[in-house]
N, C-alpha and C. Protein backbone atom coordinates (compact mmCIF):
# COMPACT_ATOMS: atom_id res chain seq x y z
N MET A 1 21.46 21.60 23.53
CA MET A 1 22.03 20.28 23.40
C MET A 1 22.34 19.75 24.81
N THR A 2 21.93 18.57 25.12
CA THR A 2 22.23 17.97 26.41
C THR A 2 23.33 16.94 26.26
N THR A 3 23.97 16.68 27.37
CA THR A 3 25.07 15.72 27.36
C THR A 3 25.02 14.89 28.62
N ASP A 4 25.60 13.72 28.59
CA ASP A 4 25.63 12.85 29.75
C ASP A 4 26.77 13.20 30.69
N ARG A 5 27.64 14.07 30.28
CA ARG A 5 28.79 14.44 31.10
C ARG A 5 28.40 15.44 32.17
N CYS A 6 28.99 15.28 33.35
CA CYS A 6 28.81 16.26 34.42
C CYS A 6 29.82 17.37 34.19
N SER A 7 29.49 18.56 34.66
CA SER A 7 30.45 19.65 34.55
C SER A 7 31.61 19.39 35.50
N PRO A 8 32.80 19.95 35.22
CA PRO A 8 33.92 19.77 36.13
C PRO A 8 33.62 20.25 37.54
N HIS A 9 32.80 21.30 37.65
CA HIS A 9 32.44 21.83 38.97
C HIS A 9 31.65 20.79 39.76
N ILE A 10 30.70 20.14 39.11
CA ILE A 10 29.89 19.13 39.78
C ILE A 10 30.77 17.94 40.16
N ASP A 11 31.66 17.51 39.27
CA ASP A 11 32.56 16.41 39.59
C ASP A 11 33.40 16.75 40.82
N HIS A 12 33.91 17.99 40.87
CA HIS A 12 34.73 18.40 42.01
C HIS A 12 33.89 18.44 43.29
N THR A 13 32.66 18.92 43.18
CA THR A 13 31.77 19.00 44.34
C THR A 13 31.46 17.60 44.88
N VAL A 14 31.21 16.67 43.99
CA VAL A 14 30.92 15.29 44.40
C VAL A 14 32.15 14.68 45.06
N GLU A 15 33.32 14.90 44.49
CA GLU A 15 34.56 14.36 45.06
C GLU A 15 34.81 14.97 46.44
N PHE A 16 34.57 16.27 46.59
CA PHE A 16 34.77 16.94 47.87
C PHE A 16 33.79 16.40 48.92
N ALA A 17 32.54 16.22 48.52
CA ALA A 17 31.53 15.67 49.43
C ALA A 17 31.90 14.25 49.84
N THR A 18 32.40 13.47 48.90
CA THR A 18 32.83 12.11 49.19
C THR A 18 33.98 12.12 50.19
N THR A 19 34.92 13.03 50.00
CA THR A 19 36.06 13.16 50.90
C THR A 19 35.59 13.49 52.31
N ILE A 20 34.68 14.44 52.43
CA ILE A 20 34.15 14.80 53.75
C ILE A 20 33.43 13.60 54.37
N GLY A 21 32.65 12.90 53.57
CA GLY A 21 31.96 11.72 54.07
C GLY A 21 32.92 10.65 54.58
N LEU A 22 34.00 10.42 53.84
CA LEU A 22 35.00 9.45 54.27
C LEU A 22 35.64 9.86 55.59
N TYR A 23 35.88 11.16 55.75
CA TYR A 23 36.44 11.65 57.01
C TYR A 23 35.45 11.44 58.16
N VAL A 24 34.20 11.83 57.93
CA VAL A 24 33.18 11.70 58.97
C VAL A 24 33.03 10.24 59.40
N LEU A 25 33.10 9.33 58.46
CA LEU A 25 32.98 7.90 58.77
C LEU A 25 34.24 7.31 59.39
N GLY A 26 35.31 8.10 59.43
CA GLY A 26 36.55 7.62 60.01
C GLY A 26 37.38 6.78 59.07
N GLU A 27 37.05 6.82 57.79
CA GLU A 27 37.77 6.03 56.79
C GLU A 27 39.11 6.65 56.40
N ILE A 28 39.20 7.97 56.51
CA ILE A 28 40.45 8.68 56.20
C ILE A 28 40.73 9.70 57.29
N SER A 29 41.98 10.07 57.39
CA SER A 29 42.39 11.05 58.39
C SER A 29 42.14 12.47 57.90
N LEU A 30 42.31 13.41 58.80
CA LEU A 30 42.17 14.82 58.43
C LEU A 30 43.20 15.19 57.37
N GLY A 31 44.43 14.74 57.56
CA GLY A 31 45.48 15.03 56.59
C GLY A 31 45.18 14.46 55.22
N LYS A 32 44.68 13.24 55.17
CA LYS A 32 44.34 12.59 53.90
C LYS A 32 43.16 13.30 53.25
N ALA A 33 42.19 13.72 54.05
CA ALA A 33 41.04 14.46 53.52
C ALA A 33 41.50 15.77 52.88
N ALA A 34 42.38 16.47 53.57
CA ALA A 34 42.90 17.73 53.02
C ALA A 34 43.68 17.49 51.75
N GLU A 35 44.49 16.45 51.75
CA GLU A 35 45.29 16.11 50.56
C GLU A 35 44.37 15.80 49.38
N ARG A 36 43.34 15.00 49.60
CA ARG A 36 42.39 14.66 48.52
C ARG A 36 41.68 15.90 47.99
N ALA A 37 41.42 16.86 48.89
CA ALA A 37 40.70 18.08 48.50
C ALA A 37 41.63 19.14 47.91
N GLY A 38 42.95 18.93 48.06
CA GLY A 38 43.90 19.90 47.52
C GLY A 38 43.99 21.17 48.34
N ILE A 39 43.74 21.04 49.65
CA ILE A 39 43.82 22.19 50.54
C ILE A 39 44.66 21.82 51.76
N THR A 40 44.95 22.80 52.61
CA THR A 40 45.75 22.52 53.80
C THR A 40 44.88 21.88 54.87
N ARG A 41 45.54 21.26 55.84
CA ARG A 41 44.81 20.68 56.98
C ARG A 41 44.04 21.75 57.74
N TRP A 42 44.62 22.94 57.82
CA TRP A 42 43.97 24.03 58.54
C TRP A 42 42.71 24.49 57.81
N GLU A 43 42.78 24.55 56.48
CA GLU A 43 41.59 24.90 55.70
C GLU A 43 40.52 23.83 55.85
N MET A 44 40.93 22.56 55.82
CA MET A 44 39.97 21.47 55.98
C MET A 44 39.33 21.52 57.36
N THR A 45 40.12 21.82 58.38
CA THR A 45 39.60 21.94 59.73
C THR A 45 38.54 23.04 59.80
N GLU A 46 38.81 24.18 59.18
CA GLU A 46 37.85 25.28 59.17
C GLU A 46 36.55 24.88 58.48
N ILE A 47 36.66 24.20 57.34
CA ILE A 47 35.47 23.78 56.58
C ILE A 47 34.65 22.79 57.39
N LEU A 48 35.32 21.80 57.98
CA LEU A 48 34.61 20.79 58.75
C LEU A 48 33.96 21.38 60.00
N THR A 49 34.69 22.26 60.68
CA THR A 49 34.16 22.91 61.88
C THR A 49 32.92 23.74 61.53
N ALA A 50 33.00 24.49 60.44
CA ALA A 50 31.86 25.30 60.01
C ALA A 50 30.65 24.43 59.67
N ALA A 51 30.90 23.20 59.23
CA ALA A 51 29.82 22.27 58.88
C ALA A 51 29.33 21.49 60.09
N GLY A 52 29.94 21.73 61.26
CA GLY A 52 29.50 21.06 62.47
C GLY A 52 30.09 19.67 62.66
N VAL A 53 31.16 19.37 61.93
CA VAL A 53 31.80 18.06 62.04
C VAL A 53 32.83 18.10 63.16
N GLU A 54 32.78 17.11 64.03
CA GLU A 54 33.75 17.02 65.13
C GLU A 54 35.11 16.61 64.56
N ILE A 55 36.12 17.37 64.91
CA ILE A 55 37.47 17.11 64.42
C ILE A 55 38.14 16.07 65.31
N ARG A 56 38.64 15.02 64.69
CA ARG A 56 39.40 14.00 65.41
C ARG A 56 40.87 14.39 65.34
N LEU A 57 41.46 14.60 66.49
CA LEU A 57 42.86 14.99 66.53
C LEU A 57 43.74 13.77 66.77
N GLY A 58 44.76 13.66 65.98
CA GLY A 58 45.67 12.53 66.12
C GLY A 58 45.14 11.30 65.43
N PRO A 59 46.04 10.42 65.05
CA PRO A 59 45.63 9.19 64.37
C PRO A 59 44.83 8.29 65.31
N GLN A 60 43.82 7.65 64.76
CA GLN A 60 42.95 6.77 65.53
C GLN A 60 43.41 5.31 65.44
N THR A 61 44.12 4.97 64.36
CA THR A 61 44.59 3.61 64.14
C THR A 61 46.02 3.65 63.61
N MET A 62 46.63 2.48 63.52
CA MET A 62 47.97 2.41 62.94
C MET A 62 47.95 2.84 61.47
N ASP A 63 46.90 2.48 60.74
CA ASP A 63 46.79 2.92 59.35
C ASP A 63 46.69 4.44 59.26
N ASP A 64 45.94 5.05 60.17
CA ASP A 64 45.86 6.51 60.22
C ASP A 64 47.24 7.11 60.47
N LEU A 65 47.97 6.51 61.39
CA LEU A 65 49.32 6.99 61.71
C LEU A 65 50.21 6.91 60.49
N LYS A 66 50.15 5.81 59.76
CA LYS A 66 50.95 5.65 58.54
C LYS A 66 50.56 6.70 57.50
N ASP A 67 49.24 6.93 57.32
CA ASP A 67 48.78 7.95 56.37
C ASP A 67 49.29 9.33 56.76
N GLU A 68 49.20 9.65 58.04
CA GLU A 68 49.67 10.95 58.52
C GLU A 68 51.17 11.10 58.28
N LEU A 69 51.92 10.05 58.54
CA LEU A 69 53.35 10.09 58.34
C LEU A 69 53.70 10.27 56.87
N GLU A 70 53.03 9.52 55.99
CA GLU A 70 53.26 9.66 54.55
C GLU A 70 52.95 11.08 54.08
N THR A 71 51.84 11.63 54.55
CA THR A 71 51.47 13.00 54.17
C THR A 71 52.51 13.99 54.66
N ALA A 72 52.95 13.82 55.89
CA ALA A 72 53.96 14.73 56.46
C ALA A 72 55.28 14.63 55.70
N LEU A 73 55.68 13.46 55.30
CA LEU A 73 56.93 13.29 54.58
C LEU A 73 56.87 13.84 53.16
N ASP A 74 55.65 13.92 52.59
CA ASP A 74 55.48 14.47 51.25
C ASP A 74 55.56 15.99 51.22
N ILE A 75 55.38 16.62 52.37
CA ILE A 75 55.41 18.09 52.45
C ILE A 75 56.86 18.53 52.55
N GLU A 76 57.23 19.41 51.65
CA GLU A 76 58.61 19.90 51.66
C GLU A 76 58.67 21.39 51.76
């Protein structure tokens, strides 16, 4: 029996790939990428580095700074 639904694994893989793409394009910060992926910033850094993605350190824009601040304040 076939279905039009994607498996949860595929959905997660697509979402993770989208998150990485947004980071590479500079649309989201490292912290926001990690938050979207449900992992730590350090884990995200390791994944991106292993994939050959250059890590941008520090916020690049005021919006990035606000995102980083919001993420930091959410961590308890």
